[in-house]
């Protein structure tokens, strides 16, 4: 999680990867900006709660990046909510394996 220390937010634009980077960002208390066609991250990012889900349009992305840059308290609050949400999910490898095997 140390790679997220120097950043304020995490921006996820790829639809090809599951949400692992999203999980790492949440565990690092970072707000996540993702796109409405991003698949995996949409399982974890709740729009306006722990980040933003945006249409895949440059202006929409730029608007949310600007908002997070201008309002660091909002970014921090969203990051904290993301951390809390992941804690409530209790994601562990044992739980994942047991679910896969059941």
PDB file of N, CA and C in Angstrom:
ATOM      1  N   UNK A   1       0.808  -1.196   0.000  1.00  0.00           N
ATOM      2  CA  UNK A   1       0.000   0.000   0.000  1.00  0.00           C
ATOM      3  C   UNK A   1       0.851   1.259   0.000  1.00  0.00           C
ATOM      4  N   UNK A   2       2.129   1.108   0.143  1.00  0.00           N
ATOM      5  CA  UNK A   2       2.993   2.287   0.213  1.00  0.00           C
ATOM      6  C   UNK A   2       3.005   3.081  -1.083  1.00  0.00           C
ATOM      7  N   UNK A   3       2.711   2.439  -2.188  1.00  0.00           N
ATOM      8  CA  UNK A   3       2.749   3.171  -3.449  1.00  0.00           C
ATOM      9  C   UNK A   3       1.681   4.255  -3.519  1.00  0.00           C
ATOM     10  N   UNK A   4       0.639   4.167  -2.700  1.00  0.00           N
ATOM     11  CA  UNK A   4      -0.423   5.164  -2.708  1.00  0.00           C
ATOM     12  C   UNK A   4      -0.177   6.309  -1.731  1.00  0.00           C
ATOM     13  N   UNK A   5       0.846   6.225  -0.904  1.00  0.00           N
ATOM     14  CA  UNK A   5       1.084   7.276   0.087  1.00  0.00           C
ATOM     15  C   UNK A   5       1.226   8.670  -0.510  1.00  0.00           C
ATOM     16  N   UNK A   6       1.989   8.850  -1.579  1.00  0.00           N
ATOM     17  CA  UNK A   6       2.187  10.221  -2.065  1.00  0.00           C
ATOM     18  C   UNK A   6       1.055  10.778  -2.915  1.00  0.00           C
ATOM     19  N   UNK A   7      -0.027  10.024  -3.106  1.00  0.00           N
ATOM     20  CA  UNK A   7      -1.121  10.505  -3.960  1.00  0.00           C
ATOM     21  C   UNK A   7      -2.351  10.833  -3.130  1.00  0.00           C
ATOM     22  N   UNK A   8      -3.228  11.673  -3.686  1.00  0.00           N
ATOM     23  CA  UNK A   8      -4.463  12.057  -3.008  1.00  0.00           C
ATOM     24  C   UNK A   8      -5.656  11.224  -3.463  1.00  0.00           C
ATOM     25  N   UNK A   9      -5.628  10.767  -4.709  1.00  0.00           N
ATOM     26  CA  UNK A   9      -6.734   9.985  -5.260  1.00  0.00           C
ATOM     27  C   UNK A   9      -6.160   8.881  -6.138  1.00  0.00           C
ATOM     28  N   UNK A  10      -7.000   7.916  -6.492  1.00  0.00           N
ATOM     29  CA  UNK A  10      -6.623   6.887  -7.456  1.00  0.00           C
ATOM     30  C   UNK A  10      -7.603   6.982  -8.621  1.00  0.00           C
ATOM     31  N   UNK A  11      -7.088   7.029  -9.830  1.00  0.00           N
ATOM     32  CA  UNK A  11      -7.911   7.128 -11.032  1.00  0.00           C
ATOM     33  C   UNK A  11      -7.826   5.814 -11.781  1.00  0.00           C
ATOM     34  N   UNK A  12      -8.978   5.147 -11.970  1.00  0.00           N
ATOM     35  CA  UNK A  12      -9.049   3.849 -12.639  1.00  0.00           C
ATOM     36  C   UNK A  12      -9.823   4.007 -13.936  1.00  0.00           C
ATOM     37  N   UNK A  13      -9.149   3.797 -15.070  1.00  0.00           N
ATOM     38  CA  UNK A  13      -9.813   3.972 -16.367  1.00  0.00           C
ATOM     39  C   UNK A  13      -9.866   2.694 -17.194  1.00  0.00           C
ATOM     40  N   UNK A  14      -9.303   1.617 -16.721  1.00  0.00           N
ATOM     41  CA  UNK A  14      -9.245   0.396 -17.510  1.00  0.00           C
ATOM     42  C   UNK A  14     -10.397  -0.534 -17.182  1.00  0.00           C
ATOM     43  N   UNK A  15     -11.001  -1.091 -18.210  1.00  0.00           N
ATOM     44  CA  UNK A  15     -12.078  -2.061 -18.013  1.00  0.00           C
ATOM     45  C   UNK A  15     -11.537  -3.488 -18.061  1.00  0.00           C
ATOM     46  N   UNK A  16     -10.241  -3.656 -18.253  1.00  0.00           N
ATOM     47  CA  UNK A  16      -9.673  -4.985 -18.474  1.00  0.00           C
ATOM     48  C   UNK A  16      -9.143  -5.657 -17.218  1.00  0.00           C
ATOM     49  N   UNK A  17      -9.053  -4.950 -16.147  1.00  0.00           N
ATOM     50  CA  UNK A  17      -8.461  -5.492 -14.930  1.00  0.00           C
ATOM     51  C   UNK A  17      -9.516  -5.512 -13.835  1.00  0.00           C
ATOM     52  N   UNK A  18      -9.471  -6.557 -13.001  1.00  0.00           N
ATOM     53  CA  UNK A  18     -10.395  -6.594 -11.870  1.00  0.00           C
ATOM     54  C   UNK A  18     -10.048  -5.463 -10.913  1.00  0.00           C
ATOM     55  N   UNK A  19     -10.745  -5.338  -9.832  1.00  0.00           N
ATOM     56  CA  UNK A  19     -10.627  -4.187  -8.956  1.00  0.00           C
ATOM     57  C   UNK A  19      -9.497  -4.217  -7.945  1.00  0.00           C
ATOM     58  N   UNK A  20      -8.404  -4.964  -8.165  1.00  0.00           N
ATOM     59  CA  UNK A  20      -7.347  -5.044  -7.151  1.00  0.00           C
ATOM     60  C   UNK A  20      -6.731  -3.689  -6.840  1.00  0.00           C
ATOM     61  N   UNK A  21      -6.469  -2.896  -7.851  1.00  0.00           N
ATOM     62  CA  UNK A  21      -5.908  -1.566  -7.605  1.00  0.00           C
ATOM     63  C   UNK A  21      -6.920  -0.726  -6.840  1.00  0.00           C
ATOM     64  N   UNK A  22      -8.186  -0.918  -7.138  1.00  0.00           N
ATOM     65  CA  UNK A  22      -9.240  -0.220  -6.413  1.00  0.00           C
ATOM     66  C   UNK A  22      -9.218  -0.612  -4.941  1.00  0.00           C
ATOM     67  N   UNK A  23      -9.055  -1.889  -4.668  1.00  0.00           N
ATOM     68  CA  UNK A  23      -8.977  -2.360  -3.283  1.00  0.00           C
ATOM     69  C   UNK A  23      -7.759  -1.777  -2.570  1.00  0.00           C
ATOM     70  N   UNK A  24      -6.621  -1.785  -3.239  1.00  0.00           N
ATOM     71  CA  UNK A  24      -5.402  -1.230  -2.644  1.00  0.00           C
ATOM     72  C   UNK A  24      -5.584   0.255  -2.334  1.00  0.00           C
ATOM     73  N   UNK A  25      -6.213   0.968  -3.246  1.00  0.00           N
ATOM     74  CA  UNK A  25      -6.455   2.400  -3.016  1.00  0.00           C
ATOM     75  C   UNK A  25      -7.378   2.597  -1.812  1.00  0.00           C
ATOM     76  N   UNK A  26      -8.432   1.802  -1.722  1.00  0.00           N
ATOM     77  CA  UNK A  26      -9.345   1.902  -0.590  1.00  0.00           C
ATOM     78  C   UNK A  26      -8.657   1.600   0.729  1.00  0.00           C
ATOM     79  N   UNK A  27      -7.826   0.564   0.739  1.00  0.00           N
ATOM     80  CA  UNK A  27      -7.097   0.215   1.956  1.00  0.00           C
ATOM     81  C   UNK A  27      -6.062   1.278   2.323  1.00  0.00           C
ATOM     82  N   UNK A  28      -5.706   2.098   1.339  1.00  0.00           N
ATOM     83  CA  UNK A  28      -4.781   3.214   1.581  1.00  0.00           C
ATOM     84  C   UNK A  28      -5.524   4.512   1.865  1.00  0.00           C
ATOM     85  N   UNK A  29      -6.846   4.406   2.019  1.00  0.00           N
ATOM     86  CA  UNK A  29      -7.702   5.566   2.337  1.00  0.00           C
ATOM     87  C   UNK A  29      -7.674   6.642   1.248  1.00  0.00           C
ATOM     88  N   UNK A  30      -7.694   6.201   0.001  1.00  0.00           N
ATOM     89  CA  UNK A  30      -7.721   7.124  -1.136  1.00  0.00           C
ATOM     90  C   UNK A  30      -9.066   7.050  -1.835  1.00  0.00           C
ATOM     91  N   UNK A  31      -9.608   8.203  -2.183  1.00  0.00           N
ATOM     92  CA  UNK A  31     -10.815   8.239  -3.007  1.00  0.00           C
ATOM     93  C   UNK A  31     -10.487   7.645  -4.369  1.00  0.00           C
ATOM     94  N   UNK A  32     -11.445   6.976  -4.966  1.00  0.00           N
ATOM     95  CA  UNK A  32     -11.220   6.333  -6.262  1.00  0.00           C
ATOM     96  C   UNK A  32     -12.136   6.967  -7.300  1.00  0.00           C
ATOM     97  N   UNK A  33     -11.547   7.362  -8.406  1.00  0.00           N
ATOM     98  CA  UNK A  33     -12.298   7.849  -9.565  1.00  0.00           C
ATOM     99  C   UNK A  33     -12.232   6.754 -10.609  1.00  0.00           C
ATOM    100  N   UNK A  34     -13.393   6.301 -11.067  1.00  0.00           N
ATOM    101  CA  UNK A  34     -13.424   5.247 -12.062  1.00  0.00           C
ATOM    102  C   UNK A  34     -14.491   5.575 -13.103  1.00  0.00           C
ATOM    103  N   UNK A  35     -14.510   4.809 -14.170  1.00  0.00           N
ATOM    104  CA  UNK A  35     -15.441   5.062 -15.269  1.00  0.00           C
ATOM    105  C   UNK A  35     -16.627   4.108 -15.207  1.00  0.00           C
ATOM    106  N   UNK A  36     -17.715   4.540 -15.752  1.00  0.00           N
ATOM    107  CA  UNK A  36     -18.954   3.756 -15.707  1.00  0.00           C
ATOM    108  C   UNK A  36     -18.851   2.442 -16.470  1.00  0.00           C
ATOM    109  N   UNK A  37     -17.824   2.274 -17.299  1.00  0.00           N
ATOM    110  CA  UNK A  37     -17.630   1.017 -18.028  1.00  0.00           C
ATOM    111  C   UNK A  37     -16.418   0.238 -17.520  1.00  0.00           C
ATOM    112  N   UNK A  38     -16.055   0.448 -16.260  1.00  0.00           N
ATOM    113  CA  UNK A  38     -14.834  -0.142 -15.712  1.00  0.00           C
ATOM    114  C   UNK A  38     -14.985  -1.528 -15.098  1.00  0.00           C
ATOM    115  N   UNK A  39     -16.128  -2.122 -15.099  1.00  0.00           N
ATOM    116  CA  UNK A  39     -16.356  -3.496 -14.625  1.00  0.00           C
ATOM    117  C   UNK A  39     -15.967  -3.679 -13.165  1.00  0.00           C
ATOM    118  N   UNK A  40     -14.858  -4.359 -12.877  1.00  0.00           N
ATOM    119  CA  UNK A  40     -14.446  -4.724 -11.528  1.00  0.00           C
ATOM    120  C   UNK A  40     -14.508  -3.614 -10.491  1.00  0.00           C
ATOM    121  N   UNK A  41     -13.945  -2.445 -10.756  1.00  0.00           N
ATOM    122  CA  UNK A  41     -13.984  -1.374  -9.756  1.00  0.00           C
ATOM    123  C   UNK A  41     -15.391  -0.950  -9.357  1.00  0.00           C
ATOM    124  N   UNK A  42     -16.365  -1.162 -10.234  1.00  0.00           N
ATOM    125  CA  UNK A  42     -17.739  -0.764  -9.918  1.00  0.00           C
ATOM    126  C   UNK A  42     -18.334  -1.583  -8.779  1.00  0.00           C
ATOM    127  N   UNK A  43     -17.718  -2.726  -8.472  1.00  0.00           N
ATOM    128  CA  UNK A  43     -18.177  -3.519  -7.334  1.00  0.00           C
ATOM    129  C   UNK A  43     -17.826  -2.838  -6.011  1.00  0.00           C
ATOM    130  N   UNK A  44     -16.847  -1.940  -6.032  1.00  0.00           N
ATOM    131  CA  UNK A  44     -16.342  -1.351  -4.799  1.00  0.00           C
ATOM    132  C   UNK A  44     -16.515   0.159  -4.703  1.00  0.00           C
ATOM    133  N   UNK A  45     -16.632   0.843  -5.826  1.00  0.00           N
ATOM    134  CA  UNK A  45     -16.756   2.305  -5.802  1.00  0.00           C
ATOM    135  C   UNK A  45     -18.225   2.683  -5.859  1.00  0.00           C
ATOM    136  N   UNK A  46     -18.671   3.365  -4.826  1.00  0.00           N
ATOM    137  CA  UNK A  46     -20.034   3.878  -4.774  1.00  0.00           C
ATOM    138  C   UNK A  46     -19.972   5.369  -5.078  1.00  0.00           C
ATOM    139  N   UNK A  47     -20.641   5.769  -6.151  1.00  0.00           N
ATOM    140  CA  UNK A  47     -20.573   7.148  -6.627  1.00  0.00           C
ATOM    141  C   UNK A  47     -20.945   8.137  -5.525  1.00  0.00           C
ATOM    142  N   UNK A  48     -20.077   9.103  -5.318  1.00  0.00           N
ATOM    143  CA  UNK A  48     -20.225  10.188  -4.348  1.00  0.00           C
ATOM    144  C   UNK A  48     -20.155   9.705  -2.895  1.00  0.00           C
ATOM    145  N   UNK A  49     -19.735   8.473  -2.681  1.00  0.00           N
ATOM    146  CA  UNK A  49     -19.578   7.949  -1.323  1.00  0.00           C
ATOM    147  C   UNK A  49     -18.092   7.754  -1.027  1.00  0.00           C
ATOM    148  N   UNK A  50     -17.439   6.858  -1.785  1.00  0.00           N
ATOM    149  CA  UNK A  50     -16.009   6.637  -1.597  1.00  0.00           C
ATOM    150  C   UNK A  50     -15.217   6.992  -2.858  1.00  0.00           C
ATOM    151  N   UNK A  51     -15.866   7.707  -3.748  1.00  0.00           N
ATOM    152  CA  UNK A  51     -15.225   8.142  -4.982  1.00  0.00           C
ATOM    153  C   UNK A  51     -16.289   8.588  -5.976  1.00  0.00           C
ATOM    154  N   UNK A  52     -15.891   8.607  -7.236  1.00  0.00           N
ATOM    155  CA  UNK A  52     -16.836   8.990  -8.283  1.00  0.00           C
ATOM    156  C   UNK A  52     -16.805   7.972  -9.406  1.00  0.00           C
ATOM    157  N   UNK A  53     -17.982   7.691  -9.946  1.00  0.00           N
ATOM    158  CA  UNK A  53     -18.128   6.883 -11.155  1.00  0.00           C
ATOM    159  C   UNK A  53     -18.532   7.853 -12.254  1.00  0.00           C
ATOM    160  N   UNK A  54     -17.691   7.957 -13.277  1.00  0.00           N
ATOM    161  CA  UNK A  54     -17.877   8.976 -14.310  1.00  0.00           C
ATOM    162  C   UNK A  54     -18.107   8.332 -15.667  1.00  0.00           C
ATOM    163  N   UNK A  55     -18.770   9.037 -16.559  1.00  0.00           N
ATOM    164  CA  UNK A  55     -18.850   8.544 -17.934  1.00  0.00           C
ATOM    165  C   UNK A  55     -17.457   8.619 -18.561  1.00  0.00           C
ATOM    166  N   UNK A  56     -17.170   7.748 -19.516  1.00  0.00           N
ATOM    167  CA  UNK A  56     -15.840   7.746 -20.137  1.00  0.00           C
ATOM    168  C   UNK A  56     -15.663   8.905 -21.124  1.00  0.00           C
ATOM    169  N   UNK A  57     -15.710  10.120 -20.576  1.00  0.00           N
ATOM    170  CA  UNK A  57     -15.576  11.326 -21.382  1.00  0.00           C
ATOM    171  C   UNK A  57     -14.523  12.228 -20.744  1.00  0.00           C
ATOM    172  N   UNK A  58     -13.583  12.735 -21.524  1.00  0.00           N
ATOM    173  CA  UNK A  58     -12.494  13.544 -20.966  1.00  0.00           C
ATOM    174  C   UNK A  58     -12.959  14.704 -20.086  1.00  0.00           C
ATOM    175  N   UNK A  59     -14.008  15.408 -20.488  1.00  0.00           N
ATOM    176  CA  UNK A  59     -14.468  16.547 -19.682  1.00  0.00           C
ATOM    177  C   UNK A  59     -14.986  16.107 -18.314  1.00  0.00           C
ATOM    178  N   UNK A  60     -15.697  14.994 -18.271  1.00  0.00           N
ATOM    179  CA  UNK A  60     -16.224  14.487 -16.999  1.00  0.00           C
ATOM    180  C   UNK A  60     -15.082  14.067 -16.077  1.00  0.00           C
ATOM    181  N   UNK A  61     -14.073  13.422 -16.647  1.00  0.00           N
ATOM    182  CA  UNK A  61     -12.909  12.993 -15.862  1.00  0.00           C
ATOM    183  C   UNK A  61     -12.174  14.208 -15.323  1.00  0.00           C
ATOM    184  N   UNK A  62     -11.925  15.178 -16.191  1.00  0.00           N
ATOM    185  CA  UNK A  62     -11.211  16.391 -15.772  1.00  0.00           C
ATOM    186  C   UNK A  62     -11.971  17.134 -14.675  1.00  0.00           C
ATOM    187  N   UNK A  63     -13.285  17.196 -14.789  1.00  0.00           N
ATOM    188  CA  UNK A  63     -14.096  17.894 -13.793  1.00  0.00           C
ATOM    189  C   UNK A  63     -13.925  17.258 -12.405  1.00  0.00           C
ATOM    190  N   UNK A  64     -13.954  15.937 -12.323  1.00  0.00           N
ATOM    191  CA  UNK A  64     -13.824  15.262 -11.026  1.00  0.00           C
ATOM    192  C   UNK A  64     -12.397  15.357 -10.491  1.00  0.00           C
ATOM    193  N   UNK A  65     -11.411  15.288 -11.365  1.00  0.00           N
ATOM    194  CA  UNK A  65     -10.018  15.463 -10.910  1.00  0.00           C
ATOM    195  C   UNK A  65      -9.848  16.865 -10.332  1.00  0.00           C
ATOM    196  N   UNK A  66     -10.376  17.866 -11.029  1.00  0.00           N
ATOM    197  CA  UNK A  66     -10.302  19.248 -10.521  1.00  0.00           C
ATOM    198  C   UNK A  66     -11.005  19.374  -9.171  1.00  0.00           C
ATOM    199  N   UNK A  67     -12.177  18.752  -9.039  1.00  0.00           N
ATOM    200  CA  UNK A  67     -12.926  18.813  -7.783  1.00  0.00           C
ATOM    201  C   UNK A  67     -12.106  18.215  -6.644  1.00  0.00           C
ATOM    202  N   UNK A  68     -11.491  17.067  -6.876  1.00  0.00           N
ATOM    203  CA  UNK A  68     -10.682  16.419  -5.839  1.00  0.00           C
ATOM    204  C   UNK A  68      -9.444  17.248  -5.498  1.00  0.00           C
ATOM    205  N   UNK A  69      -8.854  17.890  -6.506  1.00  0.00           N
ATOM    206  CA  UNK A  69      -7.683  18.733  -6.273  1.00  0.00           C
ATOM    207  C   UNK A  69      -8.057  19.963  -5.447  1.00  0.00           C
ATOM    208  N   UNK A  70      -9.201  20.538  -5.758  1.00  0.00           N
ATOM    209  CA  UNK A  70      -9.632  21.760  -5.073  1.00  0.00           C
ATOM    210  C   UNK A  70     -10.240  21.488  -3.699  1.00  0.00           C
ATOM    211  N   UNK A  71     -10.711  20.277  -3.458  1.00  0.00           N
ATOM    212  CA  UNK A  71     -11.384  19.962  -2.199  1.00  0.00           C
ATOM    213  C   UNK A  71     -10.748  18.720  -1.574  1.00  0.00           C
ATOM    214  N   UNK A  72      -9.586  18.907  -0.974  1.00  0.00           N
ATOM    215  CA  UNK A  72      -8.848  17.787  -0.393  1.00  0.00           C
ATOM    216  C   UNK A  72      -9.610  17.137   0.756  1.00  0.00           C
ATOM    217  N   UNK A  73     -10.406  17.923   1.479  1.00  0.00           N
ATOM    218  CA  UNK A  73     -11.202  17.331   2.573  1.00  0.00           C
ATOM    219  C   UNK A  73     -12.213  16.326   2.029  1.00  0.00           C
ATOM    220  N   UNK A  74     -12.814  16.643   0.894  1.00  0.00           N
ATOM    221  CA  UNK A  74     -13.750  15.717   0.265  1.00  0.00           C
ATOM    222  C   UNK A  74     -13.023  14.437  -0.136  1.00  0.00           C
ATOM    223  N   UNK A  75     -11.852  14.584  -0.753  1.00  0.00           N
ATOM    224  CA  UNK A  75     -11.070  13.415  -1.160  1.00  0.00           C
ATOM    225  C   UNK A  75     -10.698  12.561   0.051  1.00  0.00           C
ATOM    226  N   UNK A  76     -10.290  13.202   1.129  1.00  0.00           N
ATOM    227  CA  UNK A  76      -9.926  12.465   2.343  1.00  0.00           C
ATOM    228  C   UNK A  76     -11.135  11.767   2.948  1.00  0.00           C
ATOM    229  N   UNK A  77     -12.276  12.449   2.981  1.00  0.00           N
ATOM    230  CA  UNK A  77     -13.493  11.848   3.537  1.00  0.00           C
ATOM    231  C   UNK A  77     -13.916  10.632   2.707  1.00  0.00           C
ATOM    232  N   UNK A  78     -13.851  10.759   1.387  1.00  0.00           N
ATOM    233  CA  UNK A  78     -14.211   9.636   0.523  1.00  0.00           C
ATOM    234  C   UNK A  78     -13.243   8.477   0.725  1.00  0.00           C
ATOM    235  N   UNK A  79     -11.957   8.787   0.856  1.00  0.00           N
ATOM    236  CA  UNK A  79     -10.964   7.745   1.096  1.00  0.00           C
ATOM    237  C   UNK A  79     -11.223   7.025   2.402  1.00  0.00           C
ATOM    238  N   UNK A  80     -11.566   7.755   3.434  1.00  0.00           N
ATOM    239  CA  UNK A  80     -11.878   7.141   4.732  1.00  0.00           C
ATOM    240  C   UNK A  80     -13.115   6.250   4.632  1.00  0.00           C
ATOM    241  N   UNK A  81     -14.134   6.712   3.893  1.00  0.00           N
ATOM    242  CA  UNK A  81     -15.335   5.898   3.715  1.00  0.00           C
ATOM    243  C   UNK A  81     -15.028   4.620   2.948  1.00  0.00           C
ATOM    244  N   UNK A  82     -14.156   4.723   1.972  1.00  0.00           N
ATOM    245  CA  UNK A  82     -13.758   3.524   1.219  1.00  0.00           C
ATOM    246  C   UNK A  82     -13.059   2.512   2.110  1.00  0.00           C
ATOM    247  N   UNK A  83     -12.192   2.992   2.977  1.00  0.00           N
ATOM    248  CA  UNK A  83     -11.498   2.113   3.921  1.00  0.00           C
ATOM    249  C   UNK A  83     -12.508   1.416   4.837  1.00  0.00           C
ATOM    250  N   UNK A  84     -13.458   2.175   5.341  1.00  0.00           N
ATOM    251  CA  UNK A  84     -14.491   1.606   6.217  1.00  0.00           C
ATOM    252  C   UNK A  84     -15.342   0.576   5.468  1.00  0.00           C
ATOM    253  N   UNK A  85     -15.709   0.890   4.235  1.00  0.00           N
ATOM    254  CA  UNK A  85     -16.531  -0.027   3.447  1.00  0.00           C
ATOM    255  C   UNK A  85     -15.813  -1.352   3.216  1.00  0.00           C
ATOM    256  N   UNK A  86     -14.514  -1.283   2.921  1.00  0.00           N
ATOM    257  CA  UNK A  86     -13.760  -2.512   2.691  1.00  0.00           C
ATOM    258  C   UNK A  86     -13.640  -3.319   3.979  1.00  0.00           C
ATOM    259  N   UNK A  87     -13.492  -2.626   5.102  1.00  0.00           N
ATOM    260  CA  UNK A  87     -13.443  -3.321   6.382  1.00  0.00           C
ATOM    261  C   UNK A  87     -14.732  -4.077   6.656  1.00  0.00           C
ATOM    262  N   UNK A  88     -15.852  -3.492   6.296  1.00  0.00           N
ATOM    263  CA  UNK A  88     -17.158  -4.140   6.493  1.00  0.00           C
ATOM    264  C   UNK A  88     -17.329  -5.368   5.605  1.00  0.00           C
ATOM    265  N   UNK A  89     -16.665  -5.376   4.451  1.00  0.00           N
ATOM    266  CA  UNK A  89     -16.754  -6.527   3.550  1.00  0.00           C
ATOM    267  C   UNK A  89     -15.952  -7.721   4.056  1.00  0.00           C
ATOM    268  N   UNK A  90     -14.984  -7.458   4.937  1.00  0.00           N
ATOM    269  CA  UNK A  90     -14.152  -8.513   5.513  1.00  0.00           C
ATOM    270  C   UNK A  90     -13.558  -9.405   4.425  1.00  0.00           C
ATOM    271  N   UNK A  91     -12.887  -8.795   3.466  1.00  0.00           N
ATOM    272  CA  UNK A  91     -12.293  -9.541   2.364  1.00  0.00           C
ATOM    273  C   UNK A  91     -10.996 -10.203   2.821  1.00  0.00           C
ATOM    274  N   UNK A  92     -11.008 -11.517   2.855  1.00  0.00           N
ATOM    275  CA  UNK A  92      -9.804 -12.281   3.189  1.00  0.00           C
ATOM    276  C   UNK A  92      -9.673 -13.415   2.186  1.00  0.00           C
ATOM    277  N   UNK A  93      -8.463 -13.933   2.013  1.00  0.00           N
ATOM    278  CA  UNK A  93      -8.270 -15.042   1.089  1.00  0.00           C
ATOM    279  C   UNK A  93      -9.039 -16.275   1.552  1.00  0.00           C
ATOM    280  N   UNK A  94      -9.073 -16.520   2.869  1.00  0.00           N
ATOM    281  CA  UNK A  94      -9.835 -17.668   3.370  1.00  0.00           C
ATOM    282  C   UNK A  94     -11.303 -17.569   2.973  1.00  0.00           C
ATOM    283  N   UNK A  95     -11.861 -16.390   3.100  1.00  0.00           N
ATOM    284  CA  UNK A  95     -13.261 -16.186   2.740  1.00  0.00           C
ATOM    285  C   UNK A  95     -13.473 -16.389   1.237  1.00  0.00           C
ATOM    286  N   UNK A  96     -12.555 -15.878   0.426  1.00  0.00           N
ATOM    287  CA  UNK A  96     -12.650 -16.024  -1.035  1.00  0.00           C
ATOM    288  C   UNK A  96     -12.552 -17.493  -1.425  1.00  0.00           C
ATOM    289  N   UNK A  97     -11.574 -18.211  -0.880  1.00  0.00           N
ATOM    290  CA  UNK A  97     -11.393 -19.628  -1.211  1.00  0.00           C
ATOM    291  C   UNK A  97     -12.619 -20.429  -0.783  1.00  0.00           C
ATOM    292  N   UNK A  98     -13.101 -20.177   0.431  1.00  0.00           N
ATOM    293  CA  UNK A  98     -14.284 -20.916   0.897  1.00  0.00           C
ATOM    294  C   UNK A  98     -15.490 -20.668  -0.005  1.00  0.00           C
ATOM    295  N   UNK A  99     -15.645 -19.431  -0.465  1.00  0.00           N
ATOM    296  CA  UNK A  99     -16.767 -19.132  -1.359  1.00  0.00           C
ATOM    297  C   UNK A  99     -16.605 -19.838  -2.694  1.00  0.00           C
ATOM    298  N   UNK A 100     -15.378 -19.867  -3.209  1.00  0.00           N
ATOM    299  CA  UNK A 100     -15.128 -20.544  -4.478  1.00  0.00           C
ATOM    300  C   UNK A 100     -15.363 -22.057  -4.384  1.00  0.00           C
ATOM    301  N   UNK A 101     -15.039 -22.621  -3.230  1.00  0.00           N
ATOM    302  CA  UNK A 101     -15.181 -24.058  -3.057  1.00  0.00           C
ATOM    303  C   UNK A 101     -16.576 -24.504  -2.675  1.00  0.00           C
ATOM    304  N   UNK A 102     -17.428 -23.545  -2.280  1.00  0.00           N
ATOM    305  CA  UNK A 102     -18.783 -23.944  -1.858  1.00  0.00           C
ATOM    306  C   UNK A 102     -19.755 -24.023  -3.014  1.00  0.00           C
TER     307      UNK A 102
END
